[in-house]
Protein backbone atom coordinates (compact mmCIF):
# COMPACT_ATOMS: atom_id res chain seq x y z
CA UNK A 1 8.31 30.80 3.95
CA UNK A 2 4.95 29.26 4.34
CA UNK A 3 4.12 28.56 7.86
CA UNK A 4 0.74 27.13 7.42
CA UNK A 5 -0.31 23.36 6.26
CA UNK A 6 -1.50 23.24 2.79
CA UNK A 7 -4.70 21.90 1.99
CA UNK A 8 -4.33 18.40 0.22
CA UNK A 9 -7.95 17.38 0.52
CA UNK A 10 -8.89 15.67 -2.81
CA UNK A 11 -5.37 14.98 -3.94
CA UNK A 12 -3.84 11.75 -4.59
CA UNK A 13 -0.99 11.11 -2.16
CA UNK A 14 0.99 8.43 -1.09
CA UNK A 15 0.01 6.87 2.34
CA UNK A 16 2.39 4.18 2.61
CA UNK A 17 5.18 2.09 0.90
CA UNK A 18 6.99 -1.13 1.37
CA UNK A 19 9.32 -3.41 -0.49
CA UNK A 20 6.74 -4.60 -2.96
CA UNK A 21 3.77 -2.18 -2.70
CA UNK A 22 2.74 1.55 -2.45
CA UNK A 23 -0.51 2.90 -1.02
CA UNK A 24 -2.38 6.08 -2.71
CA UNK A 25 -5.22 7.33 -0.25
CA UNK A 26 -4.89 3.81 1.72
CA UNK A 27 -5.19 1.49 -1.43
CA UNK A 28 -2.50 -0.63 -2.24
CA UNK A 29 -0.94 -1.16 -5.64
CA UNK A 30 2.02 -3.55 -6.53
CA UNK A 31 2.41 -2.92 -10.36
CA UNK A 32 3.86 -0.13 -12.22
CA UNK A 33 1.65 3.18 -12.31
CA UNK A 34 1.52 6.76 -12.88
CA UNK A 35 0.31 8.93 -10.08
CA UNK A 36 -1.03 12.46 -10.57
CA UNK A 37 -2.65 14.74 -7.96
CA UNK A 38 -5.93 14.30 -9.55
CA UNK A 39 -5.77 10.62 -11.42
CA UNK A 40 -3.86 7.37 -11.26
CA UNK A 41 -2.84 5.47 -14.42
CA UNK A 42 -2.56 1.70 -13.27
CA UNK A 43 -0.50 -0.56 -15.32
CA UNK A 44 1.49 2.27 -17.00
CA UNK A 45 3.80 -0.28 -18.46
CA UNK A 46 4.66 -3.71 -17.87
CA UNK A 47 8.45 -3.16 -18.38
CA UNK A 48 11.30 -3.23 -16.02
CA UNK A 49 13.80 -0.41 -16.03
CA UNK A 50 16.00 -2.41 -18.36
CA UNK A 51 13.33 -2.68 -21.00
CA UNK A 52 11.57 0.71 -21.00
CA UNK A 53 10.91 1.94 -24.37
CA UNK A 54 10.74 4.89 -26.15
CA UNK A 55 6.72 4.45 -26.31
CA UNK A 56 6.70 4.11 -22.38
CA UNK A 57 8.68 7.55 -22.01
CA UNK A 58 6.19 9.08 -24.59
CA UNK A 59 3.43 8.54 -22.47
CA UNK A 60 5.07 10.46 -19.60
CA UNK A 61 5.78 13.41 -22.29
CA UNK A 62 2.10 13.36 -22.69
CA UNK A 63 0.97 13.84 -19.23
CA UNK A 64 1.12 17.97 -19.37
CA UNK A 65 3.16 18.10 -16.14
CA UNK A 66 6.15 20.14 -15.30
CA UNK A 67 8.02 17.45 -13.47
CA UNK A 68 8.04 13.78 -13.43
CA UNK A 69 9.68 11.53 -10.79
CA UNK A 70 10.60 8.38 -11.99
CA UNK A 71 10.98 5.62 -9.26
CA UNK A 72 13.19 2.90 -10.17
CA UNK A 73 12.39 0.35 -7.96
CA UNK A 74 14.13 -0.46 -4.77
CA UNK A 75 17.21 1.35 -5.72
CA UNK A 76 18.42 4.12 -7.84
CA UNK A 77 19.22 3.12 -11.42
CA UNK A 78 19.29 5.32 -14.63
CA UNK A 79 17.49 4.35 -18.00
CA UNK A 80 19.62 4.91 -20.96
CA UNK A 81 20.39 8.58 -21.89
CA UNK A 82 18.47 8.35 -25.10
CA UNK A 83 15.12 7.90 -23.06
CA UNK A 84 15.83 10.98 -20.92
CA UNK A 85 16.83 13.46 -23.68
CA UNK A 86 13.45 14.34 -25.02
CA UNK A 87 12.35 15.51 -21.37
CA UNK A 88 15.05 18.10 -21.55
CA UNK A 89 14.16 19.25 -25.08
CA UNK A 90 10.35 19.69 -23.89
CA UNK A 91 11.20 21.59 -20.74
CA UNK A 92 9.85 18.85 -18.47
CA UNK A 93 12.13 17.95 -15.30
CA UNK A 94 12.75 14.40 -14.95
CA UNK A 95 14.23 13.28 -11.88
CA UNK A 96 15.12 9.48 -11.51
CA UNK A 97 15.17 8.22 -7.94
CA UNK A 98 14.35 5.02 -6.03
CA UNK A 99 10.81 4.27 -5.59
CA UNK A 100 10.55 5.45 -1.87
CA UNK A 101 12.32 8.57 -2.57
CA UNK A 102 9.93 9.31 -5.46
CA UNK A 103 6.87 8.88 -3.25
CA UNK A 104 8.14 11.44 -0.44
CA UNK A 105 9.26 13.86 -3.28
CA UNK A 106 5.72 13.61 -5.09
CA UNK A 107 3.79 14.18 -1.85
CA UNK A 108 5.73 17.51 -0.98
CA UNK A 109 5.33 18.79 -4.79
CA UNK A 110 1.69 17.76 -5.01
CA UNK A 111 1.18 19.64 -1.61
CA UNK A 112 2.51 22.84 -2.92
CA UNK A 113 0.17 22.66 -6.00
CA UNK A 114 2.85 21.82 -8.54
CA UNK A 115 2.16 19.74 -11.64
CA UNK A 116 3.87 16.63 -10.96
CA UNK A 117 3.42 13.06 -11.62
CA UNK A 118 5.21 9.70 -10.11
CA UNK A 119 5.94 7.19 -12.74
CA UNK A 120 6.89 4.03 -10.62
CA UNK A 121 8.53 0.84 -11.64
CA UNK A 122 8.50 -2.16 -9.30
CA UNK A 123 11.43 -4.65 -9.31
């Protein structure tokens, strides 16, 4: 069990969230984005959960991460199974959760040094 605080200097971390925004390192965003510990991909897609495409999901597969947290807005909703299957085949964990849970979980995994991405969809 670790008993020290990890060094998170230089990492992109969520510093706040609300009903219609998230903040990364104190900067607010209110459009769909992908957050990685070392980079931000703004405007990942303009889709809503219901209109996600294979191309949107392919972009996530190409991130080179071991786990992707898909934040589905203010409530937990699942995309069609056909969009999720390629992640298992590629050995990439894809966890679907509401946006706030995705932010909290991402911060924990990023602080642990995991290869994680948060792909966030706003309502």
